[in-house]
C-alpha atoms as a PDB file:
ATOM      1  CA  MET A   1      91.896  95.064  88.100  1.00  0.00           C
ATOM      2  CA  LYS A   2      91.266  91.025  88.815  1.00  0.00           C
ATOM      3  CA  LYS A   3      94.360  88.359  88.070  1.00  0.00           C
ATOM      4  CA  MET A   4      93.786  86.376  85.073  1.00  0.00           C
ATOM      5  CA  ILE A   5      93.631  82.222  86.175  1.00  0.00           C
ATOM      6  CA  LYS A   6      96.604  80.968  84.348  1.00  0.00           C
ATOM      7  CA  SER A   7      95.085  78.701  81.673  1.00  0.00           C
ATOM      8  CA  SER A   8      97.314  76.304  81.554  1.00  0.00           C
ATOM      9  CA  VAL A   9      98.834  75.244  85.038  1.00  0.00           C
ATOM     10  CA  ASP A  10     101.455  72.732  85.442  1.00  0.00           C
ATOM     11  CA  TRP A  11     100.733  70.154  88.411  1.00  0.00           C
ATOM     12  CA  SER A  12     103.784  68.369  87.647  1.00  0.00           C
ATOM     13  CA  TYR A  13     105.737  69.135  90.517  1.00  0.00           C
ATOM     14  CA  TYR A  14     102.740  68.068  92.917  1.00  0.00           C
ATOM     15  CA  ASN A  15     101.595  65.375  91.130  1.00  0.00           C
ATOM     16  CA  ASN A  16     103.903  62.627  92.269  1.00  0.00           C
ATOM     17  CA  GLU A  17     104.169  59.503  94.388  1.00  0.00           C
ATOM     18  CA  ARG A  18     105.314  61.313  97.147  1.00  0.00           C
ATOM     19  CA  PHE A  19     102.498  64.122  97.035  1.00  0.00           C
ATOM     20  CA  ASP A  20      99.827  61.257  96.290  1.00  0.00           C
ATOM     21  CA  ARG A  21     101.141  59.041  98.972  1.00  0.00           C
ATOM     22  CA  ILE A  22     101.138  61.764 101.535  1.00  0.00           C
ATOM     23  CA  ASP A  23      97.456  62.994  99.924  1.00  0.00           C
ATOM     24  CA  LYS A  24      95.957  59.506 100.763  1.00  0.00           C
ATOM     25  CA  LEU A  25      97.423  59.008 104.186  1.00  0.00           C
ATOM     26  CA  TYR A  26      96.914  62.626 105.704  1.00  0.00           C
ATOM     27  CA  LEU A  27      94.190  64.265 103.607  1.00  0.00           C
ATOM     28  CA  PRO A  28      90.739  63.949 105.143  1.00  0.00           C
ATOM     29  CA  ASP A  29      87.722  63.539 102.807  1.00  0.00           C
ATOM     30  CA  LYS A  30      86.414  66.435 104.319  1.00  0.00           C
ATOM     31  CA  GLY A  31      87.187  69.155 107.014  1.00  0.00           C
ATOM     32  CA  GLU A  32      90.579  69.078 108.723  1.00  0.00           C
ATOM     33  CA  GLY A  33      90.252  65.718 110.153  1.00  0.00           C
ATOM     34  CA  ASP A  34      91.658  64.634 114.038  1.00  0.00           C
ATOM     35  CA  THR A  35      95.077  65.245 114.045  1.00  0.00           C
ATOM     36  CA  MET A  36      98.058  67.999 113.444  1.00  0.00           C
ATOM     37  CA  ALA A  37      99.539  65.752 110.312  1.00  0.00           C
ATOM     38  CA  THR A  38      95.818  66.096 108.885  1.00  0.00           C
ATOM     39  CA  GLN A  39      95.666  69.420 109.681  1.00  0.00           C
ATOM     40  CA  ILE A  40      98.970  70.044 107.952  1.00  0.00           C
ATOM     41  CA  VAL A  41      98.187  68.529 104.773  1.00  0.00           C
ATOM     42  CA  VAL A  42      94.719  70.225 104.647  1.00  0.00           C
ATOM     43  CA  ALA A  43      96.411  73.807 104.821  1.00  0.00           C
ATOM     44  CA  VAL A  44      99.607  72.917 102.717  1.00  0.00           C
ATOM     45  CA  ASN A  45      96.908  71.901 100.146  1.00  0.00           C
ATOM     46  CA  LYS A  46      94.687  74.708 100.126  1.00  0.00           C
ATOM     47  CA  LEU A  47      97.742  77.296  99.674  1.00  0.00           C
ATOM     48  CA  ILE A  48      99.070  75.269  96.691  1.00  0.00           C
ATOM     49  CA  TYR A  49      95.411  74.900  95.302  1.00  0.00           C
ATOM     50  CA  LYS A  50      94.428  78.292  95.639  1.00  0.00           C
ATOM     51  CA  TRP A  51      96.921  79.977  93.880  1.00  0.00           C
ATOM     52  CA  TYR A  52      96.874  77.497  91.213  1.00  0.00           C
ATOM     53  CA  ASN A  53      93.422  77.652  90.375  1.00  0.00           C
ATOM     54  CA  ASP A  54      92.547  81.179  91.500  1.00  0.00           C
ATOM     55  CA  GLY A  55      95.863  83.176  91.955  1.00  0.00           C
ATOM     56  CA  ASP A  56      94.741  83.831  95.458  1.00  0.00           C
ATOM     57  CA  VAL A  57      97.972  84.404  98.016  1.00  0.00           C
ATOM     58  CA  TYR A  58      97.523  83.675 101.909  1.00  0.00           C
ATOM     59  CA  ASP A  59      98.701  87.415 102.079  1.00  0.00           C
ATOM     60  CA  ASN A  60      97.965  90.206 100.149  1.00  0.00           C
ATOM     61  CA  THR A  61      98.817  93.090 102.408  1.00  0.00           C
ATOM     62  CA  GLY A  62     102.584  93.496 100.307  1.00  0.00           C
ATOM     63  CA  SER A  63     103.307  93.349  96.771  1.00  0.00           C
ATOM     64  CA  LEU A  64     101.232  90.397  95.570  1.00  0.00           C
ATOM     65  CA  GLU A  65      97.718  90.307  94.809  1.00  0.00           C
ATOM     66  CA  GLY A  66      95.445  87.867  95.644  1.00  0.00           C
ATOM     67  CA  PHE A  67      91.548  89.008  94.967  1.00  0.00           C
ATOM     68  CA  ALA A  68      88.908  86.219  95.785  1.00  0.00           C
ATOM     69  CA  ASN A  69      89.844  84.345  98.775  1.00  0.00           C
ATOM     70  CA  ASP A  70      91.041  84.757 102.324  1.00  0.00           C
ATOM     71  CA  LEU A  71      93.486  82.016 102.802  1.00  0.00           C
ATOM     72  CA  SER A  72      95.100  83.617 105.548  1.00  0.00           C
ATOM     73  CA  SER A  73      94.122  81.695 108.441  1.00  0.00           C
ATOM     74  CA  TYR A  74      95.790  78.424 106.276  1.00  0.00           C
ATOM     75  CA  ALA A  75      98.615  80.238 107.113  1.00  0.00           C
ATOM     76  CA  ASN A  76      98.781  82.027 110.320  1.00  0.00           C
ATOM     77  CA  TRP A  77      98.189  78.376 111.327  1.00  0.00           C
ATOM     78  CA  LEU A  78     101.196  76.962 109.814  1.00  0.00           C
ATOM     79  CA  TYR A  79     103.392  79.928 111.392  1.00  0.00           C
ATOM     80  CA  LYS A  80     101.834  79.421 114.961  1.00  0.00           C
ATOM     81  CA  TYR A  81     101.663  75.610 115.131  1.00  0.00           C
ATOM     82  CA  VAL A  82     104.359  74.242 113.117  1.00  0.00           C
ATOM     83  CA  PRO A  83     107.782  75.671 113.681  1.00  0.00           C
ATOM     84  CA  GLU A  84     109.466  74.428 110.593  1.00  0.00           C
ATOM     85  CA  SER A  85     107.106  76.686 108.516  1.00  0.00           C
ATOM     86  CA  LYS A  86     107.781  80.400 109.947  1.00  0.00           C
ATOM     87  CA  SER A  87     110.853  80.986 108.142  1.00  0.00           C
ATOM     88  CA  ILE A  88     109.114  79.723 104.778  1.00  0.00           C
ATOM     89  CA  LEU A  89     105.907  81.619 105.367  1.00  0.00           C
ATOM     90  CA  ILE A  90     107.243  84.905 106.410  1.00  0.00           C
ATOM     91  CA  GLY A  91     108.920  84.802 102.749  1.00  0.00           C
ATOM     92  CA  VAL A  92     105.760  86.041 101.338  1.00  0.00           C
ATOM     93  CA  THR A  93     106.956  89.798 101.857  1.00  0.00           C
ATOM     94  CA  ASP A  94     110.076  89.065  99.515  1.00  0.00           C
ATOM     95  CA  CYS A  95     107.721  87.739  96.727  1.00  0.00           C
ATOM     96  CA  TYR A  96     107.087  90.275  94.201  1.00  0.00           C
ATOM     97  CA  ASN A  97     106.170  88.458  91.294  1.00  0.00           C
ATOM     98  CA  ASP A  98     104.165  84.457  90.591  1.00  0.00           C
ATOM     99  CA  SER A  99     107.458  82.771  89.872  1.00  0.00           C
ATOM    100  CA  GLN A 100     109.081  83.999  93.564  1.00  0.00           C
ATOM    101  CA  TYR A 101     105.520  83.091  95.060  1.00  0.00           C
ATOM    102  CA  GLU A 102     105.653  79.479  93.653  1.00  0.00           C
ATOM    103  CA  ARG A 103     109.106  78.856  94.997  1.00  0.00           C
ATOM    104  CA  LEU A 104     107.713  79.725  97.741  1.00  0.00           C
ATOM    105  CA  LEU A 105     104.647  77.007  97.469  1.00  0.00           C
ATOM    106  CA  LYS A 106     106.980  74.137  96.293  1.00  0.00           C
ATOM    107  CA  LYS A 107     109.494  75.294  99.299  1.00  0.00           C
ATOM    108  CA  LEU A 108     106.834  74.814 102.094  1.00  0.00           C
ATOM    109  CA  ALA A 109     105.249  71.611 100.156  1.00  0.00           C
ATOM    110  CA  ASP A 110     108.731  70.094 100.151  1.00  0.00           C
ATOM    111  CA  THR A 111     109.904  71.143 103.766  1.00  0.00           C
ATOM    112  CA  ILE A 112     106.366  70.564 105.389  1.00  0.00           C
ATOM    113  CA  LEU A 113     105.099  67.592 104.050  1.00  0.00           C
ATOM    114  CA  ASP A 114     108.078  65.689 104.879  1.00  0.00           C
ATOM    115  CA  GLU A 115     107.011  61.920 105.510  1.00  0.00           C
ATOM    116  CA  GLU A 116     108.758  61.368 109.012  1.00  0.00           C
ATOM    117  CA  ASP A 117     107.625  64.389 110.027  1.00  0.00           C
ATOM    118  CA  LEU A 118     104.214  63.586 109.510  1.00  0.00           C
ATOM    119  CA  GLU A 119     104.206  60.810 110.901  1.00  0.00           C
ATOM    120  CA  HIS A 120     105.279  62.583 114.324  1.00  0.00           C
ATOM    121  CA  TYR A 121     102.268  65.017 113.707  1.00  0.00           C
ATOM    122  CA  SER A 122     100.221  61.908 113.061  1.00  0.00           C
ATOM    123  CA  GLU A 123     100.329  61.252 116.987  1.00  0.00           C
ATOM    124  CA  LYS A 124      99.448  64.742 118.564  1.00  0.00           C
ATOM    125  CA  PRO A 125      95.669  65.761 118.308  1.00  0.00           C
ATOM    126  CA  LYS A 126      94.149  68.317 116.239  1.00  0.00           C
ATOM    127  CA  VAL A 127      95.327  71.770 118.077  1.00  0.00           C
ATOM    128  CA  GLY A 128      93.279  75.304 117.471  1.00  0.00           C
ATOM    129  CA  SER A 129      91.398  75.114 113.354  1.00  0.00           C
ATOM    130  CA  VAL A 130      92.972  75.623 110.315  1.00  0.00           C
ATOM    131  CA  TYR A 131      90.043  77.751 109.307  1.00  0.00           C
ATOM    132  CA  ASP A 132      89.999  79.963 112.484  1.00  0.00           C
ATOM    133  CA  CYS A 133      93.533  81.478 112.926  1.00  0.00           C
ATOM    134  CA  ASP A 134      94.898  84.307 113.582  1.00  0.00           C
ATOM    135  CA  GLY A 135      98.562  85.558 113.343  1.00  0.00           C
ATOM    136  CA  PRO A 136     101.001  87.242 111.226  1.00  0.00           C
ATOM    137  CA  PHE A 137      99.345  87.290 107.349  1.00  0.00           C
ATOM    138  CA  GLN A 138      96.712  89.120 106.325  1.00  0.00           C
ATOM    139  CA  PHE A 139      94.334  89.371 103.683  1.00  0.00           C
ATOM    140  CA  SER A 140      92.901  92.967 102.427  1.00  0.00           C
ATOM    141  CA  TRP A 141      89.663  92.672 100.693  1.00  0.00           C
ATOM    142  CA  ILE A 142      89.432  94.755  97.614  1.00  0.00           C
ATOM    143  CA  ASP A 143      85.612  96.282  97.174  1.00  0.00           C
ATOM    144  CA  ASP A 144      85.573  97.323  93.184  1.00  0.00           C
ATOM    145  CA  LYS A 145      82.282  98.824  93.828  1.00  0.00           C
ATOM    146  CA  ASP A 146      84.196 101.859  96.099  1.00  0.00           C
ATOM    147  CA  GLU A 147      86.659 102.004  93.809  1.00  0.00           C
ATOM    148  CA  ASP A 148      84.394 102.197  90.567  1.00  0.00           C
ATOM    149  CA  GLU A 149      82.339 104.805  92.679  1.00  0.00           C
ATOM    150  CA  ASP A 150      85.382 107.098  93.673  1.00  0.00           C
ATOM    151  CA  GLU A 151      86.520 107.313  89.918  1.00  0.00           C
ATOM    152  CA  ASP A 152      83.022 108.271  88.586  1.00  0.00           C
ATOM    153  CA  GLU A 153      83.209 110.951  91.539  1.00  0.00           C
ATOM    154  CA  GLU A 154      86.307 111.971  90.275  1.00  0.00           C
ATOM    155  CA  GLY A 155      85.634 112.245  87.175  1.00  0.00           C
ATOM    156  CA  TYR A 156      87.285 109.071  85.157  1.00  0.00           C
ATOM    157  CA  TRP A 157      84.113 107.106  83.917  1.00  0.00           C
END
């Protein structure tokens, strides 16, 4: 069953001077940029955007469901290259509902999108790729066609 996308998303937490300034400084027009700071901002923004727009999570092997987009690479990149993110990201295993996951994302944004830290990371060249990074987080594709066939074979339809 596909999760319903929230009809009235409250972006107000992220729509403020601090996050706007960070995006203007470090969010590239396309791609992941040339520094670790741009990569960090791309990864965090992607995790937040895809949750609020599509209901996607970076690891759907536990209690949370995510349906359309594999975001695990973004979380794996942060986990691998940004030490401050590890204890926050691993908390996905303790998220059992939407509000817990939203709190995790807010904590991630508040911690990782720190202006002083980003300034430090802006002096470091890009490392790896936020688009292709393995790590502890996984996304399992749910094949609705196979589920329908199994249900059909079992006589449910």
